[in-house]
Amino acid sequence: MDRPWYQKLFGRSQSHNLESTQAKANEGDAGAQFSLGLKYASGEGADQDYVQAAQWYLKAADQGHGLAQFNLGTMYSEGQGLVRDDATALTWFHKAARQGDAGAQFSLGMRHYRASLWGPTKDSLEARTEAYKWFCLALAQGYMGSASICESLNLSMTHEEVADGNRRAAAFVVAGPA
């Protein structure tokens, strides 16, 4: 029986797409490498393979792919397919955040916020100001949850601290792929 018209129009085989993506990834295409990482990370059952996902994300991240850098940071942070390593996670989050990735900016904000709760007073002040900066940057992109955290932080900071955090956010310049 003949396929319906919409399947002819939109029905490219998934195996063909996967083969094409795999070929591009093997040739070094960062977007294709990211796509394969995403496929393995978000797969279900036997299709989910965090080790494979991390390998493909790393290839794309090394070429400066911001989302791959963020996802790789998350995998290091959670120990998904990799040995849990907060220092390496932080490195990848910083790379992605400098490229303007709102998720990475939010993650950095959370890390600094947590550090502000338990550090010595001087370190706590710096961590809180940095947290505010990163949350403001994520908020500017509409990242979910940033607004309420910015408001909460704002209430716990002095006027000078808020002004400093706003200056830092305003001075932030998105860098190219790193």
Protein backbone atom coordinates (compact mmCIF):
# COMPACT_ATOMS: atom_id res chain seq x y z
CA MET A 1 0.00 0.00 0.00
CA ASP A 2 1.18 3.50 -0.82
CA ARG A 3 2.25 5.73 2.11
CA PRO A 4 0.13 8.79 3.00
CA TRP A 5 1.30 12.08 1.43
CA TYR A 6 2.56 13.53 4.73
CA GLN A 7 4.83 10.54 5.32
CA LYS A 8 6.29 11.02 1.87
CA LEU A 9 6.89 14.67 2.66
CA PHE A 10 8.24 14.31 6.18
CA GLY A 11 9.01 10.62 6.40
CA ARG A 12 12.76 10.41 5.83
CA SER A 13 13.90 7.25 7.50
CA GLN A 14 15.43 7.66 10.92
CA SER A 15 18.15 5.18 10.08
CA HIS A 16 19.16 7.35 7.10
CA ASN A 17 19.24 10.42 9.37
CA LEU A 18 21.32 8.59 11.98
CA GLU A 19 23.76 7.34 9.34
CA SER A 20 24.08 10.85 7.94
CA THR A 21 24.60 12.36 11.39
CA GLN A 22 27.13 9.65 12.26
CA ALA A 23 29.07 10.33 9.06
CA LYS A 24 29.13 14.08 9.72
CA ALA A 25 30.17 13.50 13.33
CA ASN A 26 32.99 11.21 12.24
CA GLU A 27 34.17 13.97 9.88
CA GLY A 28 34.39 16.37 12.83
CA ASP A 29 31.11 18.30 12.54
CA ALA A 30 30.49 19.70 16.06
CA GLY A 31 26.74 20.00 15.53
CA ALA A 32 26.47 16.37 14.49
CA GLN A 33 28.67 15.32 17.40
CA PHE A 34 26.39 17.22 19.77
CA SER A 35 23.35 15.56 18.17
CA LEU A 36 24.80 12.11 18.74
CA GLY A 37 25.63 13.02 22.34
CA LEU A 38 22.06 14.15 22.83
CA LYS A 39 20.72 10.98 21.21
CA TYR A 40 22.72 8.75 23.56
CA ALA A 41 22.01 10.87 26.67
CA SER A 42 18.28 11.12 26.10
CA GLY A 43 17.72 7.62 24.75
CA GLU A 44 15.59 5.11 26.59
CA GLY A 45 16.54 1.63 27.69
CA ALA A 46 19.29 0.11 25.57
CA ASP A 47 19.50 3.30 23.49
CA GLN A 48 20.65 5.34 26.50
CA ASP A 49 24.42 5.29 26.86
CA TYR A 50 25.95 8.04 29.00
CA VAL A 51 29.50 6.93 28.19
CA GLN A 52 28.86 7.35 24.45
CA ALA A 53 27.02 10.62 25.10
CA ALA A 54 29.98 12.01 27.06
CA GLN A 55 32.42 10.99 24.31
CA TRP A 56 30.42 12.79 21.63
CA TYR A 57 29.78 15.83 23.82
CA LEU A 58 33.51 16.07 24.52
CA LYS A 59 34.34 16.08 20.81
CA ALA A 60 31.83 18.88 20.19
CA ALA A 61 32.78 20.76 23.37
CA ASP A 62 36.45 20.75 22.40
CA GLN A 63 35.40 22.59 19.23
CA GLY A 64 33.58 25.25 21.26
CA HIS A 65 29.99 23.96 21.01
CA GLY A 66 28.31 25.77 23.93
CA LEU A 67 25.46 23.34 24.57
CA ALA A 68 27.86 20.41 24.44
CA GLN A 69 30.04 22.20 27.00
CA PHE A 70 27.05 22.75 29.27
CA ASN A 71 25.84 19.14 28.92
CA LEU A 72 29.35 17.82 29.53
CA GLY A 73 29.60 19.97 32.66
CA THR A 74 26.30 18.54 33.84
CA MET A 75 27.49 14.99 33.19
CA TYR A 76 30.70 15.61 35.17
CA SER A 77 28.65 17.21 37.95
CA GLU A 78 26.23 14.28 38.13
CA GLY A 79 28.70 11.49 37.37
CA GLN A 80 26.75 10.38 34.30
CA GLY A 81 29.00 8.29 32.07
CA LEU A 82 32.04 9.91 33.67
CA VAL A 83 33.65 9.92 37.07
CA ARG A 84 32.05 12.72 39.08
CA ASP A 85 34.45 15.68 39.03
CA ASP A 86 33.22 19.06 40.25
CA ALA A 87 36.36 20.92 39.16
CA THR A 88 36.04 19.67 35.58
CA ALA A 89 32.30 20.36 35.63
CA LEU A 90 33.02 23.93 36.70
CA THR A 91 35.52 24.36 33.85
CA TRP A 92 32.93 23.29 31.27
CA PHE A 93 30.20 25.41 32.86
CA HIS A 94 32.50 28.45 32.69
CA LYS A 95 33.27 27.84 29.02
CA ALA A 96 29.58 27.54 28.15
CA ALA A 97 28.58 30.50 30.33
CA ARG A 98 31.17 32.76 28.69
CA GLN A 99 29.51 31.94 25.37
CA GLY A 100 26.17 33.06 26.78
CA ASP A 101 24.58 29.71 27.66
CA ALA A 102 21.84 30.60 30.16
CA GLY A 103 21.76 27.11 31.70
CA ALA A 104 25.47 27.27 32.42
CA GLN A 105 25.09 30.79 33.84
CA PHE A 106 22.31 29.56 36.12
CA SER A 107 24.42 26.58 37.21
CA LEU A 108 27.33 28.89 38.06
CA GLY A 109 24.94 31.12 39.97
CA MET A 110 23.77 28.13 42.00
CA ARG A 111 27.32 27.04 42.75
CA HIS A 112 28.31 30.52 43.92
CA TYR A 113 25.10 30.86 45.89
CA ARG A 114 25.75 27.59 47.74
CA ALA A 115 29.32 28.70 48.43
CA SER A 116 27.99 31.98 49.85
CA LEU A 117 25.97 30.10 52.45
CA TRP A 118 28.88 28.20 53.99
CA GLY A 119 32.02 30.18 53.34
CA PRO A 120 33.87 32.64 55.55
CA THR A 121 32.25 36.10 55.59
CA LYS A 122 34.67 37.69 53.08
CA ASP A 123 34.43 34.73 50.70
CA SER A 124 30.69 34.58 51.26
CA LEU A 125 30.26 38.20 50.11
CA GLU A 126 32.25 37.58 46.91
CA ALA A 127 30.38 34.35 46.18
CA ARG A 128 27.00 36.04 46.73
CA THR A 129 27.93 38.91 44.38
CA GLU A 130 29.11 36.45 41.72
CA ALA A 131 25.95 34.40 42.16
CA TYR A 132 23.86 37.53 41.67
CA LYS A 133 25.80 38.37 38.49
CA TRP A 134 25.29 34.92 36.97
CA PHE A 135 21.61 34.80 37.92
CA CYS A 136 21.07 38.26 36.38
CA LEU A 137 22.70 37.09 33.15
CA ALA A 138 20.50 33.98 33.06
CA LEU A 139 17.45 36.12 33.88
CA ALA A 140 18.23 38.45 30.97
CA GLN A 141 17.71 35.42 28.72
CA GLY A 142 14.51 34.41 30.48
CA TYR A 143 15.97 31.33 32.15
CA MET A 144 13.34 29.76 34.35
CA GLY A 145 13.84 30.26 38.07
CA SER A 146 16.33 33.10 37.72
CA ALA A 147 13.88 35.88 38.57
CA SER A 148 12.86 34.50 41.97
CA ILE A 149 16.46 33.76 42.97
CA CYS A 150 17.59 37.24 41.89
CA GLU A 151 14.82 38.77 44.00
CA SER A 152 15.71 36.60 46.98
CA LEU A 153 19.40 37.42 46.70
CA ASN A 154 18.62 41.10 46.25
CA LEU A 155 16.81 41.09 49.60
CA SER A 156 19.83 39.58 51.37
CA MET A 157 22.37 41.97 49.84
CA THR A 158 23.31 45.56 50.59
CA HIS A 159 22.70 48.28 48.02
CA GLU A 160 26.45 48.35 47.28
CA GLU A 161 26.59 44.58 46.76
CA VAL A 162 23.64 44.69 44.36
CA ALA A 163 25.24 47.59 42.47
CA ASP A 164 28.49 45.63 42.22
CA GLY A 165 26.65 42.55 40.95
CA ASN A 166 24.81 44.68 38.37
CA ARG A 167 28.11 46.26 37.26
CA ARG A 168 29.62 42.81 36.81
CA ALA A 169 26.63 41.62 34.81
CA ALA A 170 26.70 44.76 32.64
CA ALA A 171 30.44 44.32 32.01
CA PHE A 172 29.97 40.71 30.91
CA VAL A 173 30.76 40.21 27.25
CA VAL A 174 29.83 37.03 25.47
CA ALA A 175 32.96 35.36 24.15
CA GLY A 176 33.28 33.27 21.04
CA PRO A 177 33.57 29.48 21.15
CA ALA A 178 36.21 28.33 23.59
